[in-house]
Amino acid sequence: MKKIKYTPDAADKLRALKSAISGEYGVDKAKKIIKSITDAIRGLCDYEEKGPEVSKMFDVVSDYRYIFVSRNYVFYRIEAKYIRIINLYHEKEDFMWQLFGINTTPKDTIDYWDE
């Protein structure tokens, strides 16, 4: 069975998420949400291909897969000995820009806001 390995970015993001939720909704709520995310991540050990391939879902060249849990996208890669957790993004974050540099903002919006 493969082990889970977190990149430093993913580990930092998980800690920051826990801190933000604790500050806004309390420690108990933060523990519950983080537990649901980490349980889903651990579940990848049983079925590593659970998440769809990013390359097939978003038409980008990548070996990443993702799962969606507790309003967060968890991106991971299957390696020989590990399932590497690449990063986590809240559903409101533009992960396509942050991961792949792909701008997903429609031109109409850019023109409207003159960005």
PDB file of N, CA and C in Angstrom:
ATOM      1  N   MET A   1       0.838  -1.181   0.000  1.00  0.00           N
ATOM      2  CA  MET A   1       0.000   0.000   0.000  1.00  0.00           C
ATOM      3  C   MET A   1       0.886   1.250   0.000  1.00  0.00           C
ATOM      4  N   LYS A   2       0.520   2.211  -0.836  1.00  0.00           N
ATOM      5  CA  LYS A   2       1.289   3.448  -0.923  1.00  0.00           C
ATOM      6  C   LYS A   2       0.981   4.351   0.267  1.00  0.00           C
ATOM      7  N   LYS A   3       1.962   5.193   0.574  1.00  0.00           N
ATOM      8  CA  LYS A   3       1.808   6.160   1.653  1.00  0.00           C
ATOM      9  C   LYS A   3       1.458   7.522   1.076  1.00  0.00           C
ATOM     10  N   ILE A   4       0.865   8.342   1.922  1.00  0.00           N
ATOM     11  CA  ILE A   4       0.520   9.715   1.552  1.00  0.00           C
ATOM     12  C   ILE A   4       1.704  10.613   1.904  1.00  0.00           C
ATOM     13  N   LYS A   5       2.078  11.472   0.971  1.00  0.00           N
ATOM     14  CA  LYS A   5       3.117  12.485   1.212  1.00  0.00           C
ATOM     15  C   LYS A   5       2.552  13.827   0.798  1.00  0.00           C
ATOM     16  N   TYR A   6       2.728  14.824   1.649  1.00  0.00           N
ATOM     17  CA  TYR A   6       2.269  16.177   1.360  1.00  0.00           C
ATOM     18  C   TYR A   6       3.437  17.033   0.895  1.00  0.00           C
ATOM     19  N   THR A   7       3.210  17.855  -0.122  1.00  0.00           N
ATOM     20  CA  THR A   7       4.220  18.851  -0.471  1.00  0.00           C
ATOM     21  C   THR A   7       4.195  19.902   0.641  1.00  0.00           C
ATOM     22  N   PRO A   8       5.268  20.676   0.790  1.00  0.00           N
ATOM     23  CA  PRO A   8       5.244  21.751   1.797  1.00  0.00           C
ATOM     24  C   PRO A   8       4.085  22.730   1.574  1.00  0.00           C
ATOM     25  N   ASP A   9       3.783  23.046   0.315  1.00  0.00           N
ATOM     26  CA  ASP A   9       2.661  23.950   0.024  1.00  0.00           C
ATOM     27  C   ASP A   9       1.343  23.372   0.511  1.00  0.00           C
ATOM     28  N   ALA A  10       1.122  22.097   0.268  1.00  0.00           N
ATOM     29  CA  ALA A  10      -0.127  21.454   0.679  1.00  0.00           C
ATOM     30  C   ALA A  10      -0.245  21.418   2.203  1.00  0.00           C
ATOM     31  N   ALA A  11       0.841  21.083   2.872  1.00  0.00           N
ATOM     32  CA  ALA A  11       0.823  21.036   4.341  1.00  0.00           C
ATOM     33  C   ALA A  11       0.562  22.430   4.922  1.00  0.00           C
ATOM     34  N   ASP A  12       1.211  23.441   4.350  1.00  0.00           N
ATOM     35  CA  ASP A  12       0.993  24.820   4.807  1.00  0.00           C
ATOM     36  C   ASP A  12      -0.457  25.247   4.580  1.00  0.00           C
ATOM     37  N   LYS A  13      -0.995  24.894   3.432  1.00  0.00           N
ATOM     38  CA  LYS A  13      -2.366  25.287   3.096  1.00  0.00           C
ATOM     39  C   LYS A  13      -3.366  24.618   4.050  1.00  0.00           C
ATOM     40  N   LEU A  14      -3.122  23.372   4.399  1.00  0.00           N
ATOM     41  CA  LEU A  14      -4.002  22.661   5.332  1.00  0.00           C
ATOM     42  C   LEU A  14      -3.954  23.314   6.718  1.00  0.00           C
ATOM     43  N   ARG A  15      -2.764  23.683   7.164  1.00  0.00           N
ATOM     44  CA  ARG A  15      -2.630  24.373   8.456  1.00  0.00           C
ATOM     45  C   ARG A  15      -3.322  25.739   8.421  1.00  0.00           C
ATOM     46  N   ALA A  16      -3.131  26.471   7.334  1.00  0.00           N
ATOM     47  CA  ALA A  16      -3.751  27.790   7.207  1.00  0.00           C
ATOM     48  C   ALA A  16      -5.276  27.680   7.175  1.00  0.00           C
ATOM     49  N   LEU A  17      -5.776  26.650   6.511  1.00  0.00           N
ATOM     50  CA  LEU A  17      -7.218  26.417   6.451  1.00  0.00           C
ATOM     51  C   LEU A  17      -7.768  26.150   7.850  1.00  0.00           C
ATOM     52  N   LYS A  18      -7.073  25.310   8.590  1.00  0.00           N
ATOM     53  CA  LYS A  18      -7.497  24.996   9.956  1.00  0.00           C
ATOM     54  C   LYS A  18      -7.514  26.258  10.823  1.00  0.00           C
ATOM     55  N   SER A  19      -6.499  27.064  10.685  1.00  0.00           N
ATOM     56  CA  SER A  19      -6.413  28.299  11.460  1.00  0.00           C
ATOM     57  C   SER A  19      -7.529  29.270  11.083  1.00  0.00           C
ATOM     58  N   ALA A  20      -7.787  29.418   9.793  1.00  0.00           N
ATOM     59  CA  ALA A  20      -8.829  30.339   9.329  1.00  0.00           C
ATOM     60  C   ALA A  20     -10.211  29.894   9.800  1.00  0.00           C
ATOM     61  N   ILE A  21     -10.483  28.608   9.696  1.00  0.00           N
ATOM     62  CA  ILE A  21     -11.784  28.092  10.127  1.00  0.00           C
ATOM     63  C   ILE A  21     -11.924  28.231  11.639  1.00  0.00           C
ATOM     64  N   SER A  22     -10.850  27.945  12.377  1.00  0.00           N
ATOM     65  CA  SER A  22     -10.879  28.085  13.841  1.00  0.00           C
ATOM     66  C   SER A  22     -11.203  29.512  14.237  1.00  0.00           C
ATOM     67  N   GLY A  23     -10.573  30.453  13.560  1.00  0.00           N
ATOM     68  CA  GLY A  23     -10.796  31.861  13.882  1.00  0.00           C
ATOM     69  C   GLY A  23     -12.198  32.336  13.583  1.00  0.00           C
ATOM     70  N   GLU A  24     -12.785  31.796  12.526  1.00  0.00           N
ATOM     71  CA  GLU A  24     -14.107  32.266  12.110  1.00  0.00           C
ATOM     72  C   GLU A  24     -15.260  31.461  12.705  1.00  0.00           C
ATOM     73  N   TYR A  25     -15.072  30.143  12.825  1.00  0.00           N
ATOM     74  CA  TYR A  25     -16.183  29.280  13.241  1.00  0.00           C
ATOM     75  C   TYR A  25     -15.913  28.462  14.507  1.00  0.00           C
ATOM     76  N   GLY A  26     -14.695  28.508  15.012  1.00  0.00           N
ATOM     77  CA  GLY A  26     -14.366  27.772  16.220  1.00  0.00           C
ATOM     78  C   GLY A  26     -13.533  26.527  15.944  1.00  0.00           C
ATOM     79  N   VAL A  27     -12.867  26.084  16.981  1.00  0.00           N
ATOM     80  CA  VAL A  27     -11.934  24.952  16.884  1.00  0.00           C
ATOM     81  C   VAL A  27     -12.643  23.656  16.530  1.00  0.00           C
ATOM     82  N   ASP A  28     -13.798  23.423  17.100  1.00  0.00           N
ATOM     83  CA  ASP A  28     -14.520  22.171  16.830  1.00  0.00           C
ATOM     84  C   ASP A  28     -14.897  22.048  15.351  1.00  0.00           C
ATOM     85  N   LYS A  29     -15.385  23.137  14.779  1.00  0.00           N
ATOM     86  CA  LYS A  29     -15.754  23.132  13.358  1.00  0.00           C
ATOM     87  C   LYS A  29     -14.518  22.911  12.497  1.00  0.00           C
ATOM     88  N   ALA A  30     -13.411  23.543  12.864  1.00  0.00           N
ATOM     89  CA  ALA A  30     -12.165  23.386  12.111  1.00  0.00           C
ATOM     90  C   ALA A  30     -11.691  21.934  12.147  1.00  0.00           C
ATOM     91  N   LYS A  31     -11.746  21.324  13.315  1.00  0.00           N
ATOM     92  CA  LYS A  31     -11.332  19.923  13.436  1.00  0.00           C
ATOM     93  C   LYS A  31     -12.194  19.013  12.575  1.00  0.00           C
ATOM     94  N   LYS A  32     -13.497  19.275  12.564  1.00  0.00           N
ATOM     95  CA  LYS A  32     -14.416  18.461  11.784  1.00  0.00           C
ATOM     96  C   LYS A  32     -14.117  18.562  10.284  1.00  0.00           C
ATOM     97  N   ILE A  33     -13.914  19.767   9.802  1.00  0.00           N
ATOM     98  CA  ILE A  33     -13.649  19.967   8.368  1.00  0.00           C
ATOM     99  C   ILE A  33     -12.290  19.389   7.975  1.00  0.00           C
ATOM    100  N   ILE A  34     -11.274  19.660   8.760  1.00  0.00           N
ATOM    101  CA  ILE A  34      -9.933  19.130   8.456  1.00  0.00           C
ATOM    102  C   ILE A  34      -9.948  17.606   8.508  1.00  0.00           C
ATOM    103  N   LYS A  35     -10.682  17.041   9.455  1.00  0.00           N
ATOM    104  CA  LYS A  35     -10.786  15.578   9.523  1.00  0.00           C
ATOM    105  C   LYS A  35     -11.450  15.014   8.272  1.00  0.00           C
ATOM    106  N   SER A  36     -12.485  15.674   7.781  1.00  0.00           N
ATOM    107  CA  SER A  36     -13.140  15.164   6.564  1.00  0.00           C
ATOM    108  C   SER A  36     -12.185  15.225   5.368  1.00  0.00           C
ATOM    109  N   ILE A  37     -11.374  16.269   5.309  1.00  0.00           N
ATOM    110  CA  ILE A  37     -10.406  16.380   4.208  1.00  0.00           C
ATOM    111  C   ILE A  37      -9.324  15.320   4.334  1.00  0.00           C
ATOM    112  N   THR A  38      -8.752  15.176   5.522  1.00  0.00           N
ATOM    113  CA  THR A  38      -7.665  14.204   5.692  1.00  0.00           C
ATOM    114  C   THR A  38      -8.169  12.762   5.580  1.00  0.00           C
ATOM    115  N   ASP A  39      -9.393  12.511   6.004  1.00  0.00           N
ATOM    116  CA  ASP A  39      -9.974  11.175   5.821  1.00  0.00           C
ATOM    117  C   ASP A  39     -10.116  10.850   4.334  1.00  0.00           C
ATOM    118  N   ALA A  40     -10.572  11.824   3.564  1.00  0.00           N
ATOM    119  CA  ALA A  40     -10.708  11.621   2.116  1.00  0.00           C
ATOM    120  C   ALA A  40      -9.342  11.384   1.479  1.00  0.00           C
ATOM    121  N   ILE A  41      -8.347  12.110   1.938  1.00  0.00           N
ATOM    122  CA  ILE A  41      -6.990  11.924   1.420  1.00  0.00           C
ATOM    123  C   ILE A  41      -6.474  10.529   1.772  1.00  0.00           C
ATOM    124  N   ARG A  42      -6.656  10.112   3.005  1.00  0.00           N
ATOM    125  CA  ARG A  42      -6.234   8.759   3.409  1.00  0.00           C
ATOM    126  C   ARG A  42      -6.962   7.688   2.605  1.00  0.00           C
ATOM    127  N   GLY A  43      -8.198   7.965   2.230  1.00  0.00           N
ATOM    128  CA  GLY A  43      -8.973   7.030   1.418  1.00  0.00           C
ATOM    129  C   GLY A  43      -8.343   6.757   0.065  1.00  0.00           C
ATOM    130  N   LEU A  44      -7.484   7.645  -0.389  1.00  0.00           N
ATOM    131  CA  LEU A  44      -6.787   7.428  -1.661  1.00  0.00           C
ATOM    132  C   LEU A  44      -5.850   6.224  -1.593  1.00  0.00           C
ATOM    133  N   CYS A  45      -5.420   5.863  -0.398  1.00  0.00           N
ATOM    134  CA  CYS A  45      -4.571   4.676  -0.244  1.00  0.00           C
ATOM    135  C   CYS A  45      -5.324   3.416  -0.656  1.00  0.00           C
ATOM    136  N   ASP A  46      -6.619   3.396  -0.436  1.00  0.00           N
ATOM    137  CA  ASP A  46      -7.441   2.239  -0.804  1.00  0.00           C
ATOM    138  C   ASP A  46      -7.798   2.245  -2.282  1.00  0.00           C
ATOM    139  N   TYR A  47      -7.994   3.432  -2.818  1.00  0.00           N
ATOM    140  CA  TYR A  47      -8.365   3.537  -4.232  1.00  0.00           C
ATOM    141  C   TYR A  47      -7.742   4.810  -4.790  1.00  0.00           C
ATOM    142  N   GLU A  48      -6.504   4.690  -5.252  1.00  0.00           N
ATOM    143  CA  GLU A  48      -5.731   5.858  -5.664  1.00  0.00           C
ATOM    144  C   GLU A  48      -6.263   6.557  -6.908  1.00  0.00           C
ATOM    145  N   GLU A  49      -7.009   5.850  -7.718  1.00  0.00           N
ATOM    146  CA  GLU A  49      -7.541   6.458  -8.937  1.00  0.00           C
ATOM    147  C   GLU A  49      -8.958   7.001  -8.737  1.00  0.00           C
ATOM    148  N   LYS A  50      -9.301   7.239  -7.497  1.00  0.00           N
ATOM    149  CA  LYS A  50     -10.624   7.738  -7.132  1.00  0.00           C
ATOM    150  C   LYS A  50     -10.937   9.059  -7.829  1.00  0.00           C
ATOM    151  N   GLY A  51      -9.976   9.960  -7.858  1.00  0.00           N
ATOM    152  CA  GLY A  51     -10.192  11.276  -8.460  1.00  0.00           C
ATOM    153  C   GLY A  51      -9.960  11.262  -9.951  1.00  0.00           C
ATOM    154  N   PRO A  52     -10.713  12.085 -10.682  1.00  0.00           N
ATOM    155  CA  PRO A  52     -10.520  12.150 -12.133  1.00  0.00           C
ATOM    156  C   PRO A  52      -9.184  12.778 -12.490  1.00  0.00           C
ATOM    157  N   GLU A  53      -8.705  12.460 -13.676  1.00  0.00           N
ATOM    158  CA  GLU A  53      -7.463  13.037 -14.174  1.00  0.00           C
ATOM    159  C   GLU A  53      -7.715  14.477 -14.595  1.00  0.00           C
ATOM    160  N   VAL A  54      -6.850  15.362 -14.145  1.00  0.00           N
ATOM    161  CA  VAL A  54      -6.979  16.775 -14.503  1.00  0.00           C
ATOM    162  C   VAL A  54      -6.885  16.953 -16.015  1.00  0.00           C
ATOM    163  N   SER A  55      -6.015  16.184 -16.657  1.00  0.00           N
ATOM    164  CA  SER A  55      -5.814  16.323 -18.101  1.00  0.00           C
ATOM    165  C   SER A  55      -7.085  16.024 -18.897  1.00  0.00           C
ATOM    166  N   LYS A  56      -7.902  15.145 -18.393  1.00  0.00           N
ATOM    167  CA  LYS A  56      -9.149  14.806 -19.098  1.00  0.00           C
ATOM    168  C   LYS A  56     -10.293  15.759 -18.756  1.00  0.00           C
ATOM    169  N   MET A  57     -10.257  16.310 -17.571  1.00  0.00           N
ATOM    170  CA  MET A  57     -11.335  17.198 -17.145  1.00  0.00           C
ATOM    171  C   MET A  57     -11.156  18.628 -17.650  1.00  0.00           C
ATOM    172  N   PHE A  58      -9.898  19.085 -17.726  1.00  0.00           N
ATOM    173  CA  PHE A  58      -9.650  20.492 -18.022  1.00  0.00           C
ATOM    174  C   PHE A  58      -8.792  20.726 -19.255  1.00  0.00           C
ATOM    175  N   ASP A  59      -8.489  19.689 -20.002  1.00  0.00           N
ATOM    176  CA  ASP A  59      -7.721  19.817 -21.240  1.00  0.00           C
ATOM    177  C   ASP A  59      -6.371  20.501 -21.020  1.00  0.00           C
ATOM    178  N   VAL A  60      -5.638  20.050 -20.009  1.00  0.00           N
ATOM    179  CA  VAL A  60      -4.274  20.495 -19.759  1.00  0.00           C
ATOM    180  C   VAL A  60      -3.395  19.258 -19.648  1.00  0.00           C
ATOM    181  N   VAL A  61      -2.131  19.415 -19.978  1.00  0.00           N
ATOM    182  CA  VAL A  61      -1.195  18.301 -19.859  1.00  0.00           C
ATOM    183  C   VAL A  61      -0.713  18.250 -18.407  1.00  0.00           C
ATOM    184  N   SER A  62      -1.094  17.188 -17.713  1.00  0.00           N
ATOM    185  CA  SER A  62      -0.749  17.046 -16.300  1.00  0.00           C
ATOM    186  C   SER A  62      -0.981  15.606 -15.866  1.00  0.00           C
ATOM    187  N   ASP A  63      -0.198  15.173 -14.890  1.00  0.00           N
ATOM    188  CA  ASP A  63      -0.421  13.848 -14.323  1.00  0.00           C
ATOM    189  C   ASP A  63      -1.175  13.948 -12.987  1.00  0.00           C
ATOM    190  N   TYR A  64      -1.731  15.114 -12.692  1.00  0.00           N
ATOM    191  CA  TYR A  64      -2.471  15.320 -11.463  1.00  0.00           C
ATOM    192  C   TYR A  64      -3.873  14.733 -11.563  1.00  0.00           C
ATOM    193  N   ARG A  65      -4.388  14.386 -10.415  1.00  0.00           N
ATOM    194  CA  ARG A  65      -5.783  14.008 -10.238  1.00  0.00           C
ATOM    195  C   ARG A  65      -6.307  14.892  -9.110  1.00  0.00           C
ATOM    196  N   TYR A  66      -7.613  14.883  -8.917  1.00  0.00           N
ATOM    197  CA  TYR A  66      -8.140  15.679  -7.816  1.00  0.00           C
ATOM    198  C   TYR A  66      -9.382  15.028  -7.223  1.00  0.00           C
ATOM    199  N   ILE A  67      -9.621  15.377  -5.973  1.00  0.00           N
ATOM    200  CA  ILE A  67     -10.872  15.028  -5.310  1.00  0.00           C
ATOM    201  C   ILE A  67     -11.450  16.332  -4.757  1.00  0.00           C
ATOM    202  N   PHE A  68     -12.757  16.367  -4.623  1.00  0.00           N
ATOM    203  CA  PHE A  68     -13.432  17.537  -4.078  1.00  0.00           C
ATOM    204  C   PHE A  68     -14.054  17.136  -2.760  1.00  0.00           C
ATOM    205  N   VAL A  69     -13.647  17.817  -1.697  1.00  0.00           N
ATOM    206  CA  VAL A  69     -14.151  17.473  -0.367  1.00  0.00           C
ATOM    207  C   VAL A  69     -14.237  18.744   0.486  1.00  0.00           C
ATOM    208  N   SER A  70     -15.346  18.891   1.180  1.00  0.00           N
ATOM    209  CA  SER A  70     -15.575  20.032   2.076  1.00  0.00           C
ATOM    210  C   SER A  70     -15.272  21.369   1.397  1.00  0.00           C
ATOM    211  N   ARG A  71     -15.777  21.515   0.180  1.00  0.00           N
ATOM    212  CA  ARG A  71     -15.643  22.738  -0.603  1.00  0.00           C
ATOM    213  C   ARG A  71     -14.203  23.049  -1.007  1.00  0.00           C
ATOM    214  N   ASN A  72     -13.364  22.018  -1.030  1.00  0.00           N
ATOM    215  CA  ASN A  72     -11.963  22.181  -1.403  1.00  0.00           C
ATOM    216  C   ASN A  72     -11.564  21.146  -2.445  1.00  0.00           C
ATOM    217  N   TYR A  73     -10.762  21.602  -3.395  1.00  0.00           N
ATOM    218  CA  TYR A  73     -10.166  20.693  -4.366  1.00  0.00           C
ATOM    219  C   TYR A  73      -8.816  20.262  -3.815  1.00  0.00           C
ATOM    220  N   VAL A  74      -8.582  18.955  -3.781  1.00  0.00           N
ATOM    221  CA  VAL A  74      -7.304  18.407  -3.339  1.00  0.00           C
ATOM    222  C   VAL A  74      -6.651  17.788  -4.569  1.00  0.00           C
ATOM    223  N   PHE A  75      -5.528  18.359  -4.992  1.00  0.00           N
ATOM    224  CA  PHE A  75      -4.813  17.861  -6.158  1.00  0.00           C
ATOM    225  C   PHE A  75      -3.705  16.921  -5.709  1.00  0.00           C
ATOM    226  N   TYR A  76      -3.604  15.793  -6.400  1.00  0.00           N
ATOM    227  CA  TYR A  76      -2.593  14.802  -6.033  1.00  0.00           C
ATOM    228  C   TYR A  76      -2.030  14.128  -7.272  1.00  0.00           C
ATOM    229  N   ARG A  77      -0.897  13.463  -7.069  1.00  0.00           N
ATOM    230  CA  ARG A  77      -0.244  12.716  -8.143  1.00  0.00           C
ATOM    231  C   ARG A  77       0.099  11.332  -7.613  1.00  0.00           C
ATOM    232  N   ILE A  78      -0.120  10.329  -8.441  1.00  0.00           N
ATOM    233  CA  ILE A  78       0.211   8.953  -8.078  1.00  0.00           C
ATOM    234  C   ILE A  78       1.652   8.697  -8.503  1.00  0.00           C
ATOM    235  N   GLU A  79       2.480   8.321  -7.544  1.00  0.00           N
ATOM    236  CA  GLU A  79       3.884   8.015  -7.805  1.00  0.00           C
ATOM    237  C   GLU A  79       4.142   6.549  -7.496  1.00  0.00           C
ATOM    238  N   ALA A  80       5.350   6.105  -7.737  1.00  0.00           N
ATOM    239  CA  ALA A  80       5.684   4.695  -7.544  1.00  0.00           C
ATOM    240  C   ALA A  80       5.449   4.231  -6.107  1.00  0.00           C
ATOM    241  N   LYS A  81       5.914   5.017  -5.112  1.00  0.00           N
ATOM    242  CA  LYS A  81       5.791   4.611  -3.715  1.00  0.00           C
ATOM    243  C   LYS A  81       4.804   5.453  -2.913  1.00  0.00           C
ATOM    244  N   TYR A  82       4.401   6.592  -3.480  1.00  0.00           N
ATOM    245  CA  TYR A  82       3.584   7.534  -2.722  1.00  0.00           C
ATOM    246  C   TYR A  82       2.405   8.050  -3.535  1.00  0.00           C
ATOM    247  N   ILE A  83       1.453   8.563  -2.793  1.00  0.00           N
ATOM    248  CA  ILE A  83       0.419   9.415  -3.360  1.00  0.00           C
ATOM    249  C   ILE A  83       0.769  10.795  -2.825  1.00  0.00           C
ATOM    250  N   ARG A  84       1.233  11.653  -3.703  1.00  0.00           N
ATOM    251  CA  ARG A  84       1.730  12.960  -3.290  1.00  0.00           C
ATOM    252  C   ARG A  84       0.614  13.999  -3.395  1.00  0.00           C
ATOM    253  N   ILE A  85       0.302  14.620  -2.267  1.00  0.00           N
ATOM    254  CA  ILE A  85      -0.702  15.679  -2.227  1.00  0.00           C
ATOM    255  C   ILE A  85      -0.001  16.966  -2.653  1.00  0.00           C
ATOM    256  N   ILE A  86      -0.416  17.492  -3.797  1.00  0.00           N
ATOM    257  CA  ILE A  86       0.248  18.648  -4.395  1.00  0.00           C
ATOM    258  C   ILE A  86      -0.195  19.942  -3.732  1.00  0.00           C
ATOM    259  N   ASN A  87      -1.517  20.149  -3.647  1.00  0.00           N
ATOM    260  CA  ASN A  87      -2.029  21.360  -3.024  1.00  0.00           C
ATOM    261  C   ASN A  87      -3.532  21.268  -2.833  1.00  0.00           C
ATOM    262  N   LEU A  88      -4.061  22.188  -2.058  1.00  0.00           N
ATOM    263  CA  LEU A  88      -5.496  22.287  -1.809  1.00  0.00           C
ATOM    264  C   LEU A  88      -5.948  23.684  -2.210  1.00  0.00           C
ATOM    265  N   TYR A  89      -7.130  23.762  -2.787  1.00  0.00           N
ATOM    266  CA  TYR A  89      -7.687  25.055  -3.177  1.00  0.00           C
ATOM    267  C   TYR A  89      -9.162  25.083  -2.816  1.00  0.00           C
ATOM    268  N   HIS A  90      -9.569  26.168  -2.194  1.00  0.00           N
ATOM    269  CA  HIS A  90     -10.988  26.360  -1.910  1.00  0.00           C
ATOM    270  C   HIS A  90     -11.715  26.501  -3.236  1.00  0.00           C
ATOM    271  N   GLU A  91     -12.973  26.136  -3.261  1.00  0.00           N
ATOM    272  CA  GLU A  91     -13.742  26.167  -4.501  1.00  0.00           C
ATOM    273  C   GLU A  91     -13.813  27.556  -5.125  1.00  0.00           C
ATOM    274  N   LYS A  92     -13.598  28.609  -4.350  1.00  0.00           N
ATOM    275  CA  LYS A  92     -13.647  29.970  -4.877  1.00  0.00           C
ATOM    276  C   LYS A  92     -12.297  30.437  -5.429  1.00  0.00           C
ATOM    277  N   GLU A  93     -11.249  29.681  -5.184  1.00  0.00           N
ATOM    278  CA  GLU A  93      -9.928  30.051  -5.693  1.00  0.00           C
ATOM    279  C   GLU A  93      -9.794  29.656  -7.161  1.00  0.00           C
ATOM    280  N   ASP A  94      -8.984  30.390  -7.879  1.00  0.00           N
ATOM    281  CA  ASP A  94      -8.730  30.098  -9.288  1.00  0.00           C
ATOM    282  C   ASP A  94      -7.533  29.142  -9.384  1.00  0.00           C
ATOM    283  N   PHE A  95      -7.796  27.862  -9.166  1.00  0.00           N
ATOM    284  CA  PHE A  95      -6.704  26.882  -9.156  1.00  0.00           C
ATOM    285  C   PHE A  95      -6.085  26.698 -10.539  1.00  0.00           C
ATOM    286  N   MET A  96      -6.840  26.939 -11.595  1.00  0.00           N
ATOM    287  CA  MET A  96      -6.270  26.808 -12.941  1.00  0.00           C
ATOM    288  C   MET A  96      -5.150  27.830 -13.146  1.00  0.00           C
ATOM    289  N   TRP A  97      -5.337  29.026 -12.632  1.00  0.00           N
ATOM    290  CA  TRP A  97      -4.302  30.052 -12.738  1.00  0.00           C
ATOM    291  C   TRP A  97      -3.125  29.704 -11.822  1.00  0.00           C
ATOM    292  N   GLN A  98      -3.424  29.310 -10.590  1.00  0.00           N
ATOM    293  CA  GLN A  98      -2.371  29.053  -9.619  1.00  0.00           C
ATOM    294  C   GLN A  98      -1.546  27.813  -9.946  1.00  0.00           C
ATOM    295  N   LEU A  99      -2.176  26.774 -10.473  1.00  0.00           N
ATOM    296  CA  LEU A  99      -1.445  25.540 -10.803  1.00  0.00           C
ATOM    297  C   LEU A  99      -0.802  25.572 -12.183  1.00  0.00           C
ATOM    298  N   PHE A 100      -1.539  26.098 -13.159  1.00  0.00           N
ATOM    299  CA  PHE A 100      -1.099  25.955 -14.545  1.00  0.00           C
ATOM    300  C   PHE A 100      -0.891  27.270 -15.282  1.00  0.00           C
ATOM    301  N   GLY A 101      -1.177  28.399 -14.640  1.00  0.00           N
ATOM    302  CA  GLY A 101      -1.029  29.693 -15.289  1.00  0.00           C
ATOM    303  C   GLY A 101      -2.053  29.942 -16.385  1.00  0.00           C
ATOM    304  N   ILE A 102      -3.191  29.255 -16.295  1.00  0.00           N
ATOM    305  CA  ILE A 102      -4.247  29.404 -17.302  1.00  0.00           C
ATOM    306  C   ILE A 102      -5.277  30.403 -16.778  1.00  0.00           C
ATOM    307  N   ASN A 103      -5.482  31.474 -17.535  1.00  0.00           N
ATOM    308  CA  ASN A 103      -6.436  32.498 -17.149  1.00  0.00           C
ATOM    309  C   ASN A 103      -7.842  32.032 -17.501  1.00  0.00           C
ATOM    310  N   THR A 104      -8.692  31.943 -16.516  1.00  0.00           N
ATOM    311  CA  THR A 104     -10.063  31.474 -16.739  1.00  0.00           C
ATOM    312  C   THR A 104     -11.081  32.608 -16.663  1.00  0.00           C
ATOM    313  N   THR A 105     -10.594  33.846 -16.527  1.00  0.00           N
ATOM    314  CA  THR A 105     -11.496  34.990 -16.467  1.00  0.00           C
ATOM    315  C   THR A 105     -11.949  35.335 -17.879  1.00  0.00           C
ATOM    316  N   PRO A 106     -13.259  35.377 -18.119  1.00  0.00           N
ATOM    317  CA  PRO A 106     -13.747  35.698 -19.463  1.00  0.00           C
ATOM    318  C   PRO A 106     -13.315  37.103 -19.903  1.00  0.00           C
ATOM    319  N   LYS A 107     -13.070  37.263 -21.191  1.00  0.00           N
ATOM    320  CA  LYS A 107     -12.631  38.541 -21.741  1.00  0.00           C
ATOM    321  C   LYS A 107     -13.631  39.652 -21.446  1.00  0.00           C
ATOM    322  N   ASP A 108     -14.912  39.327 -21.467  1.00  0.00           N
ATOM    323  CA  ASP A 108     -15.938  40.338 -21.162  1.00  0.00           C
ATOM    324  C   ASP A 108     -15.732  40.925 -19.765  1.00  0.00           C
ATOM    325  N   THR A 109     -15.397  40.078 -18.808  1.00  0.00           N
ATOM    326  CA  THR A 109     -15.163  40.536 -17.445  1.00  0.00           C
ATOM    327  C   THR A 109     -13.921  41.414 -17.362  1.00  0.00           C
ATOM    328  N   ILE A 110     -12.861  40.994 -18.045  1.00  0.00           N
ATOM    329  CA  ILE A 110     -11.618  41.771 -18.059  1.00  0.00           C
ATOM    330  C   ILE A 110     -11.881  43.146 -18.680  1.00  0.00           C
ATOM    331  N   ASP A 111     -12.603  43.166 -19.812  1.00  0.00           N
ATOM    332  CA  ASP A 111     -12.915  44.423 -20.491  1.00  0.00           C
ATOM    333  C   ASP A 111     -13.770  45.323 -19.596  1.00  0.00           C
ATOM    334  N   TYR A 112     -14.743  44.733 -18.924  1.00  0.00           N
ATOM    335  CA  TYR A 112     -15.642  45.511 -18.059  1.00  0.00           C
ATOM    336  C   TYR A 112     -14.879  46.181 -16.924  1.00  0.00           C
ATOM    337  N   TRP A 113     -14.014  45.417 -16.287  1.00  0.00           N
ATOM    338  CA  TRP A 113     -13.276  45.956 -15.135  1.00  0.00           C
ATOM    339  C   TRP A 113     -11.991  46.645 -15.553  1.00  0.00           C
ATOM    340  N   ASP A 114     -11.694  46.642 -16.861  1.00  0.00           N
ATOM    341  CA  ASP A 114     -10.502  47.287 -17.416  1.00  0.00           C
ATOM    342  C   ASP A 114      -9.232  46.792 -16.723  1.00  0.00           C
ATOM    343  N   GLU A 115      -9.127  45.474 -16.596  1.00  0.00           N
ATOM    344  CA  GLU A 115      -7.960  44.867 -15.943  1.00  0.00           C
ATOM    345  C   GLU A 115      -6.926  44.467 -16.957  1.00  0.00           C
TER     346      GLU A 115
END
